[in-house]
């Protein structure tokens, strides 16, 4: 299921595993967080940048956490048994790791920054659609405020 270079999965499998995690969290009264990571700059090239971001994130999280490529612009990470305060700290590491990396875009080496939006189950939503929507809203908020930052709900 996971390659040697990265352990990210496609969107359909990510959604399936998220649904399973929600059922598990409800059954056992657990919590978890979701972080959406999006690049602040548009990038050209061969489309490998999101996969490279997923590889960077895989070096930052536990082996049991789930990394999914939601689309061409967003990588999502499901952090098991992680409350929002800890997810915020992990998201800051994501942001820093991306900013420290050099990416290939065509024949050019570029530096990129990322914004991260995070939410926690069940505090910020109790179903997949709500959690993914709110994480996307938090990602948009981080980008709207200049990018290269993390946004989480205040409540």
N, C-alpha and C. Protein backbone atom coordinates (compact mmCIF):
# COMPACT_ATOMS: atom_id res chain seq x y z
N UNK A 1 0.83 -1.19 0.00
CA UNK A 1 0.00 0.00 0.00
C UNK A 1 0.86 1.25 0.00
N UNK A 2 1.96 1.26 0.70
CA UNK A 2 2.82 2.42 0.76
C UNK A 2 4.13 2.11 0.06
N UNK A 3 4.62 3.06 -0.73
CA UNK A 3 5.90 2.89 -1.38
C UNK A 3 7.03 3.18 -0.42
N UNK A 4 8.22 2.85 -0.82
CA UNK A 4 9.38 3.08 0.03
C UNK A 4 9.65 4.56 0.22
N UNK A 5 9.41 5.36 -0.82
CA UNK A 5 9.75 6.78 -0.76
C UNK A 5 8.71 7.58 0.03
N UNK A 6 7.45 7.22 -0.05
CA UNK A 6 6.41 7.96 0.64
C UNK A 6 5.31 7.00 1.07
N UNK A 7 4.55 7.42 2.06
CA UNK A 7 3.46 6.58 2.49
C UNK A 7 2.13 7.30 2.36
N UNK A 8 2.04 8.23 1.42
CA UNK A 8 0.78 8.93 1.20
C UNK A 8 -0.16 8.07 0.37
N UNK A 9 -1.43 8.33 0.54
CA UNK A 9 -2.46 7.56 -0.16
C UNK A 9 -3.33 8.50 -0.98
N UNK A 10 -4.14 7.93 -1.85
CA UNK A 10 -5.01 8.76 -2.68
C UNK A 10 -6.24 9.21 -1.88
N UNK A 11 -6.99 10.11 -2.47
CA UNK A 11 -8.12 10.75 -1.81
C UNK A 11 -9.20 9.75 -1.38
N UNK A 12 -9.52 8.80 -2.24
CA UNK A 12 -10.59 7.84 -1.93
C UNK A 12 -10.22 7.00 -0.70
N UNK A 13 -9.00 6.50 -0.66
CA UNK A 13 -8.58 5.70 0.49
C UNK A 13 -8.49 6.56 1.74
N UNK A 14 -8.03 7.80 1.60
CA UNK A 14 -7.98 8.71 2.75
C UNK A 14 -9.37 8.91 3.34
N UNK A 15 -10.37 9.15 2.48
CA UNK A 15 -11.74 9.34 2.96
C UNK A 15 -12.25 8.08 3.66
N UNK A 16 -11.96 6.93 3.11
CA UNK A 16 -12.38 5.66 3.72
C UNK A 16 -11.76 5.51 5.11
N UNK A 17 -10.46 5.75 5.23
CA UNK A 17 -9.79 5.62 6.52
C UNK A 17 -10.27 6.68 7.51
N UNK A 18 -10.60 7.87 7.02
CA UNK A 18 -11.16 8.90 7.89
C UNK A 18 -12.51 8.45 8.44
N UNK A 19 -13.35 7.87 7.59
CA UNK A 19 -14.64 7.36 8.07
C UNK A 19 -14.45 6.27 9.13
N UNK A 20 -13.49 5.38 8.91
CA UNK A 20 -13.21 4.35 9.91
C UNK A 20 -12.73 4.97 11.23
N UNK A 21 -11.88 5.98 11.13
CA UNK A 21 -11.37 6.63 12.33
C UNK A 21 -12.49 7.32 13.10
N UNK A 22 -13.43 7.91 12.40
CA UNK A 22 -14.57 8.55 13.07
C UNK A 22 -15.38 7.51 13.82
N UNK A 23 -15.65 6.37 13.19
CA UNK A 23 -16.40 5.31 13.87
C UNK A 23 -15.65 4.80 15.09
N UNK A 24 -14.34 4.63 14.95
CA UNK A 24 -13.51 4.17 16.07
C UNK A 24 -13.53 5.21 17.19
N UNK A 25 -13.41 6.47 16.84
CA UNK A 25 -13.39 7.53 17.85
C UNK A 25 -14.71 7.63 18.59
N UNK A 26 -15.81 7.45 17.87
CA UNK A 26 -17.13 7.46 18.52
C UNK A 26 -17.26 6.26 19.45
N UNK A 27 -16.90 5.10 18.97
CA UNK A 27 -17.03 3.86 19.74
C UNK A 27 -16.22 3.89 21.03
N UNK A 28 -14.98 4.39 20.95
CA UNK A 28 -14.08 4.33 22.09
C UNK A 28 -13.84 5.69 22.76
N UNK A 29 -14.63 6.69 22.39
CA UNK A 29 -14.51 8.05 22.94
C UNK A 29 -13.10 8.59 22.79
N UNK A 30 -12.55 8.45 21.59
CA UNK A 30 -11.23 8.97 21.28
C UNK A 30 -11.37 10.31 20.57
N UNK A 31 -10.27 10.94 20.33
CA UNK A 31 -10.22 12.17 19.56
C UNK A 31 -9.10 12.03 18.54
N UNK A 32 -9.11 12.90 17.56
CA UNK A 32 -8.05 12.96 16.56
C UNK A 32 -8.12 14.32 15.90
N UNK A 33 -7.07 14.67 15.19
CA UNK A 33 -7.05 15.94 14.47
C UNK A 33 -6.75 15.71 13.00
N UNK A 34 -7.15 16.68 12.19
CA UNK A 34 -6.87 16.69 10.76
C UNK A 34 -6.15 17.99 10.45
N UNK A 35 -5.08 17.91 9.69
CA UNK A 35 -4.37 19.10 9.21
C UNK A 35 -4.34 19.07 7.69
N UNK A 36 -4.85 20.12 7.07
CA UNK A 36 -4.73 20.31 5.62
C UNK A 36 -3.50 21.18 5.38
N UNK A 37 -2.61 20.72 4.52
CA UNK A 37 -1.40 21.45 4.19
C UNK A 37 -1.48 21.84 2.72
N UNK A 38 -1.35 23.14 2.46
CA UNK A 38 -1.41 23.65 1.10
C UNK A 38 -0.26 24.60 0.82
N UNK A 39 0.29 24.50 -0.38
CA UNK A 39 1.38 25.41 -0.76
C UNK A 39 0.84 26.81 -0.97
N UNK A 40 1.62 27.81 -0.59
CA UNK A 40 1.22 29.20 -0.73
C UNK A 40 1.47 29.74 -2.12
N UNK A 41 2.38 29.14 -2.87
CA UNK A 41 2.70 29.60 -4.21
C UNK A 41 2.18 28.58 -5.23
N UNK A 42 1.80 29.10 -6.39
CA UNK A 42 1.48 28.20 -7.48
C UNK A 42 2.77 27.60 -7.98
N UNK A 43 2.74 26.38 -8.40
CA UNK A 43 3.96 25.73 -8.88
C UNK A 43 3.69 25.08 -10.22
N UNK A 44 4.67 25.16 -11.09
CA UNK A 44 4.60 24.50 -12.38
C UNK A 44 5.46 23.26 -12.30
N UNK A 45 5.60 22.61 -13.39
CA UNK A 45 6.47 21.45 -13.42
C UNK A 45 5.70 20.19 -13.68
N UNK A 46 6.23 19.09 -13.19
CA UNK A 46 5.69 17.78 -13.52
C UNK A 46 4.62 17.28 -12.55
N UNK A 47 4.17 18.10 -11.63
CA UNK A 47 3.14 17.69 -10.68
C UNK A 47 3.66 16.88 -9.51
N UNK A 48 4.97 16.82 -9.33
CA UNK A 48 5.55 16.01 -8.27
C UNK A 48 5.62 16.75 -6.94
N UNK A 49 5.38 18.05 -6.93
CA UNK A 49 5.54 18.82 -5.70
C UNK A 49 4.61 18.34 -4.58
N UNK A 50 3.30 18.10 -4.83
CA UNK A 50 2.46 17.59 -3.73
C UNK A 50 2.96 16.26 -3.17
N UNK A 51 3.45 15.38 -4.03
CA UNK A 51 4.00 14.11 -3.54
C UNK A 51 5.25 14.34 -2.71
N UNK A 52 6.06 15.30 -3.11
CA UNK A 52 7.26 15.63 -2.34
C UNK A 52 6.87 16.20 -0.98
N UNK A 53 5.84 17.05 -0.95
CA UNK A 53 5.34 17.58 0.33
C UNK A 53 4.87 16.42 1.20
N UNK A 54 4.15 15.47 0.62
CA UNK A 54 3.69 14.31 1.40
C UNK A 54 4.87 13.52 1.97
N UNK A 55 5.94 13.38 1.19
CA UNK A 55 7.14 12.70 1.69
C UNK A 55 7.73 13.44 2.88
N UNK A 56 7.81 14.76 2.77
CA UNK A 56 8.34 15.57 3.87
C UNK A 56 7.49 15.38 5.12
N UNK A 57 6.17 15.40 4.95
CA UNK A 57 5.27 15.25 6.09
C UNK A 57 5.40 13.86 6.71
N UNK A 58 5.61 12.85 5.88
CA UNK A 58 5.73 11.49 6.40
C UNK A 58 6.93 11.33 7.32
N UNK A 59 7.94 12.18 7.14
CA UNK A 59 9.11 12.15 8.00
C UNK A 59 8.86 12.88 9.33
N UNK A 60 7.71 13.55 9.43
CA UNK A 60 7.41 14.39 10.57
C UNK A 60 6.36 13.78 11.49
N UNK A 61 5.62 12.78 11.00
CA UNK A 61 4.52 12.21 11.79
C UNK A 61 4.84 10.77 12.19
N UNK A 62 4.00 10.24 13.04
CA UNK A 62 4.14 8.83 13.47
C UNK A 62 3.75 7.90 12.33
N UNK A 63 4.23 6.68 12.38
CA UNK A 63 3.92 5.71 11.34
C UNK A 63 2.43 5.40 11.25
N UNK A 64 1.71 5.57 12.34
CA UNK A 64 0.28 5.24 12.35
C UNK A 64 -0.60 6.38 11.84
N UNK A 65 -0.06 7.58 11.71
CA UNK A 65 -0.84 8.69 11.18
C UNK A 65 -1.04 8.49 9.68
N UNK A 66 -2.07 9.09 9.13
CA UNK A 66 -2.46 8.86 7.74
C UNK A 66 -2.25 10.13 6.92
N UNK A 67 -1.54 10.01 5.80
CA UNK A 67 -1.28 11.14 4.91
C UNK A 67 -1.96 10.86 3.59
N UNK A 68 -2.82 11.80 3.17
CA UNK A 68 -3.55 11.63 1.92
C UNK A 68 -3.38 12.82 1.00
N UNK A 69 -3.28 12.54 -0.28
CA UNK A 69 -3.26 13.59 -1.30
C UNK A 69 -4.71 13.85 -1.69
N UNK A 70 -5.30 14.93 -1.15
CA UNK A 70 -6.71 15.21 -1.43
C UNK A 70 -6.93 15.69 -2.85
N UNK A 71 -6.02 16.51 -3.34
CA UNK A 71 -6.09 17.03 -4.70
C UNK A 71 -4.70 17.52 -5.09
N UNK A 72 -4.59 18.23 -6.20
CA UNK A 72 -3.28 18.69 -6.67
C UNK A 72 -2.65 19.76 -5.79
N UNK A 73 -3.43 20.35 -4.89
CA UNK A 73 -2.93 21.44 -4.07
C UNK A 73 -2.90 21.15 -2.57
N UNK A 74 -3.58 20.09 -2.11
CA UNK A 74 -3.74 19.87 -0.68
C UNK A 74 -3.35 18.47 -0.26
N UNK A 75 -2.51 18.41 0.76
CA UNK A 75 -2.17 17.16 1.43
C UNK A 75 -2.85 17.22 2.79
N UNK A 76 -3.51 16.14 3.17
CA UNK A 76 -4.20 16.11 4.46
C UNK A 76 -3.58 15.04 5.34
N UNK A 77 -3.46 15.36 6.63
CA UNK A 77 -2.87 14.42 7.59
C UNK A 77 -3.85 14.18 8.72
N UNK A 78 -4.14 12.91 8.97
CA UNK A 78 -4.99 12.50 10.08
C UNK A 78 -4.06 12.09 11.21
N UNK A 79 -4.13 12.82 12.31
CA UNK A 79 -3.26 12.61 13.46
C UNK A 79 -4.05 11.90 14.55
N UNK A 80 -3.80 10.61 14.72
CA UNK A 80 -4.52 9.81 15.72
C UNK A 80 -4.24 10.31 17.13
N UNK A 81 -5.27 10.26 17.97
CA UNK A 81 -5.14 10.61 19.40
C UNK A 81 -4.38 11.91 19.62
N UNK A 82 -4.72 12.92 18.85
CA UNK A 82 -4.04 14.20 18.94
C UNK A 82 -5.08 15.31 19.11
N UNK A 83 -4.98 16.04 20.21
CA UNK A 83 -5.87 17.18 20.43
C UNK A 83 -5.34 18.38 19.65
N UNK A 84 -6.15 19.41 19.55
CA UNK A 84 -5.84 20.54 18.68
C UNK A 84 -4.55 21.27 19.09
N UNK A 85 -4.25 21.35 20.39
CA UNK A 85 -3.03 22.03 20.81
C UNK A 85 -1.79 21.31 20.28
N UNK A 86 -1.80 19.99 20.36
CA UNK A 86 -0.68 19.21 19.83
C UNK A 86 -0.67 19.22 18.31
N UNK A 87 -1.85 19.22 17.71
CA UNK A 87 -1.93 19.29 16.24
C UNK A 87 -1.34 20.62 15.77
N UNK A 88 -1.57 21.69 16.51
CA UNK A 88 -1.02 22.99 16.15
C UNK A 88 0.51 22.92 16.14
N UNK A 89 1.09 22.28 17.14
CA UNK A 89 2.55 22.14 17.20
C UNK A 89 3.08 21.30 16.04
N UNK A 90 2.38 20.22 15.72
CA UNK A 90 2.78 19.38 14.59
C UNK A 90 2.66 20.18 13.29
N UNK A 91 1.59 20.94 13.16
CA UNK A 91 1.38 21.76 11.96
C UNK A 91 2.49 22.79 11.80
N UNK A 92 2.96 23.36 12.90
CA UNK A 92 4.09 24.30 12.83
C UNK A 92 5.34 23.59 12.29
N UNK A 93 5.54 22.34 12.70
CA UNK A 93 6.68 21.57 12.17
C UNK A 93 6.50 21.33 10.68
N UNK A 94 5.27 21.02 10.24
CA UNK A 94 5.00 20.84 8.81
C UNK A 94 5.43 22.09 8.05
N UNK A 95 4.95 23.24 8.53
CA UNK A 95 5.21 24.51 7.87
C UNK A 95 6.71 24.78 7.78
N UNK A 96 7.42 24.56 8.85
CA UNK A 96 8.86 24.79 8.88
C UNK A 96 9.60 23.83 7.95
N UNK A 97 9.21 22.57 7.97
CA UNK A 97 9.88 21.57 7.12
C UNK A 97 9.72 21.90 5.64
N UNK A 98 8.53 22.33 5.23
CA UNK A 98 8.31 22.69 3.82
C UNK A 98 9.16 23.91 3.46
N UNK A 99 9.18 24.92 4.33
CA UNK A 99 9.95 26.14 4.05
C UNK A 99 11.45 25.86 3.96
N UNK A 100 11.92 24.84 4.66
CA UNK A 100 13.34 24.50 4.65
C UNK A 100 13.76 23.65 3.45
N UNK A 101 12.79 23.19 2.69
CA UNK A 101 13.05 22.27 1.57
C UNK A 101 13.22 23.03 0.25
N UNK A 102 14.05 22.52 -0.62
CA UNK A 102 14.16 23.04 -1.99
C UNK A 102 13.42 22.07 -2.90
N UNK A 103 12.56 22.61 -3.76
CA UNK A 103 11.75 21.79 -4.66
C UNK A 103 12.21 21.99 -6.10
N UNK A 104 12.03 20.97 -6.92
CA UNK A 104 12.30 21.08 -8.35
C UNK A 104 11.01 21.44 -9.05
N UNK A 105 11.05 22.51 -9.82
CA UNK A 105 9.91 22.93 -10.62
C UNK A 105 10.43 23.12 -12.04
N UNK A 106 10.22 22.11 -12.86
CA UNK A 106 10.83 22.13 -14.18
C UNK A 106 12.33 21.96 -14.02
N UNK A 107 13.09 22.88 -14.60
CA UNK A 107 14.55 22.84 -14.48
C UNK A 107 15.07 23.78 -13.39
N UNK A 108 14.18 24.31 -12.58
CA UNK A 108 14.55 25.33 -11.59
C UNK A 108 14.34 24.77 -10.18
N UNK A 109 15.24 25.11 -9.28
CA UNK A 109 15.08 24.79 -7.86
C UNK A 109 14.40 25.97 -7.18
N UNK A 110 13.32 25.72 -6.45
CA UNK A 110 12.56 26.80 -5.82
C UNK A 110 12.33 26.50 -4.34
N UNK A 111 12.13 27.55 -3.58
CA UNK A 111 11.73 27.45 -2.18
C UNK A 111 10.25 27.79 -2.13
N UNK A 112 9.49 27.02 -1.41
CA UNK A 112 8.06 27.23 -1.28
C UNK A 112 7.70 27.31 0.20
N UNK A 113 6.56 27.91 0.47
CA UNK A 113 6.03 27.92 1.83
C UNK A 113 4.67 27.25 1.82
N UNK A 114 4.25 26.82 2.98
CA UNK A 114 2.96 26.15 3.11
C UNK A 114 2.17 26.77 4.25
N UNK A 115 0.87 26.72 4.08
CA UNK A 115 -0.06 27.08 5.14
C UNK A 115 -0.74 25.81 5.60
N UNK A 116 -1.19 25.81 6.86
CA UNK A 116 -1.82 24.62 7.42
C UNK A 116 -3.09 25.04 8.15
N UNK A 117 -4.15 24.27 7.91
CA UNK A 117 -5.40 24.46 8.65
C UNK A 117 -5.72 23.20 9.41
N UNK A 118 -6.03 23.32 10.69
CA UNK A 118 -6.27 22.14 11.51
C UNK A 118 -7.59 22.19 12.26
N UNK A 119 -8.15 21.00 12.49
CA UNK A 119 -9.37 20.84 13.29
C UNK A 119 -9.26 19.55 14.09
N UNK A 120 -10.11 19.42 15.11
CA UNK A 120 -10.10 18.25 15.98
C UNK A 120 -11.49 17.63 16.07
N UNK A 121 -11.55 16.31 16.03
CA UNK A 121 -12.78 15.56 16.28
C UNK A 121 -12.88 15.29 17.77
N UNK A 122 -13.99 15.48 18.42
CA UNK A 122 -15.29 15.94 17.95
C UNK A 122 -15.54 17.43 18.15
N UNK A 123 -14.55 18.15 18.66
CA UNK A 123 -14.72 19.56 18.99
C UNK A 123 -15.17 20.40 17.81
N UNK A 124 -14.59 20.18 16.64
CA UNK A 124 -14.85 21.02 15.47
C UNK A 124 -15.72 20.35 14.42
N UNK A 125 -16.21 19.17 14.72
CA UNK A 125 -17.09 18.46 13.81
C UNK A 125 -17.17 17.01 14.19
N UNK A 126 -18.31 16.38 13.88
CA UNK A 126 -18.47 14.98 14.25
C UNK A 126 -18.72 14.07 13.05
N UNK A 127 -18.44 14.60 11.84
CA UNK A 127 -18.53 13.76 10.65
C UNK A 127 -17.46 14.21 9.66
N UNK A 128 -17.19 13.35 8.69
CA UNK A 128 -16.10 13.61 7.75
C UNK A 128 -16.32 14.90 6.96
N UNK A 129 -17.53 15.10 6.47
CA UNK A 129 -17.78 16.28 5.64
C UNK A 129 -17.51 17.57 6.41
N UNK A 130 -17.98 17.65 7.64
CA UNK A 130 -17.78 18.85 8.45
C UNK A 130 -16.31 19.05 8.78
N UNK A 131 -15.63 17.98 9.18
CA UNK A 131 -14.21 18.10 9.52
C UNK A 131 -13.38 18.54 8.33
N UNK A 132 -13.61 17.95 7.17
CA UNK A 132 -12.84 18.31 5.97
C UNK A 132 -13.15 19.74 5.54
N UNK A 133 -14.41 20.14 5.63
CA UNK A 133 -14.79 21.51 5.28
C UNK A 133 -14.13 22.51 6.22
N UNK A 134 -14.19 22.25 7.53
CA UNK A 134 -13.60 23.19 8.50
C UNK A 134 -12.07 23.24 8.37
N UNK A 135 -11.43 22.10 8.10
CA UNK A 135 -9.98 22.10 7.90
C UNK A 135 -9.64 22.93 6.66
N UNK A 136 -10.46 22.80 5.62
CA UNK A 136 -10.26 23.61 4.41
C UNK A 136 -10.45 25.09 4.69
N UNK A 137 -11.44 25.43 5.52
CA UNK A 137 -11.66 26.83 5.89
C UNK A 137 -10.47 27.38 6.68
N UNK A 138 -9.93 26.57 7.56
CA UNK A 138 -8.77 27.00 8.35
C UNK A 138 -7.54 27.18 7.44
N UNK A 139 -7.38 26.30 6.45
CA UNK A 139 -6.30 26.45 5.49
C UNK A 139 -6.46 27.75 4.71
N UNK A 140 -7.68 28.03 4.27
CA UNK A 140 -7.95 29.28 3.54
C UNK A 140 -7.67 30.49 4.42
N UNK A 141 -8.01 30.42 5.70
CA UNK A 141 -7.74 31.51 6.64
C UNK A 141 -6.24 31.76 6.77
N UNK A 142 -5.48 30.68 6.90
CA UNK A 142 -4.02 30.83 7.01
C UNK A 142 -3.45 31.50 5.77
N UNK A 143 -3.93 31.10 4.60
CA UNK A 143 -3.44 31.70 3.35
C UNK A 143 -3.88 33.16 3.24
N UNK A 144 -5.12 33.44 3.65
CA UNK A 144 -5.66 34.80 3.58
C UNK A 144 -4.86 35.77 4.45
N UNK A 145 -4.33 35.28 5.54
CA UNK A 145 -3.54 36.12 6.45
C UNK A 145 -2.06 36.14 6.11
N UNK A 146 -1.73 35.91 4.86
CA UNK A 146 -0.36 36.05 4.40
C UNK A 146 0.38 34.76 4.12
N UNK A 147 -0.19 33.63 4.48
CA UNK A 147 0.46 32.36 4.20
C UNK A 147 1.60 32.06 5.15
N UNK A 148 2.17 30.89 4.97
CA UNK A 148 3.28 30.41 5.79
C UNK A 148 2.93 30.47 7.27
N UNK A 149 1.69 30.03 7.59
CA UNK A 149 1.25 30.00 8.97
C UNK A 149 0.22 28.92 9.18
N UNK A 150 -0.15 28.74 10.44
CA UNK A 150 -1.12 27.71 10.85
C UNK A 150 -2.35 28.39 11.39
N UNK A 151 -3.53 27.88 11.02
CA UNK A 151 -4.79 28.39 11.57
C UNK A 151 -5.60 27.22 12.11
N UNK A 152 -6.14 27.40 13.32
CA UNK A 152 -7.04 26.45 13.94
C UNK A 152 -8.21 27.24 14.51
N UNK A 153 -9.39 26.60 14.68
CA UNK A 153 -10.52 27.32 15.25
C UNK A 153 -10.23 27.77 16.68
N UNK A 154 -10.79 28.90 17.05
CA UNK A 154 -10.57 29.43 18.39
C UNK A 154 -11.44 28.74 19.44
N UNK A 155 -12.58 28.19 19.02
CA UNK A 155 -13.47 27.54 20.00
C UNK A 155 -13.03 26.14 20.31
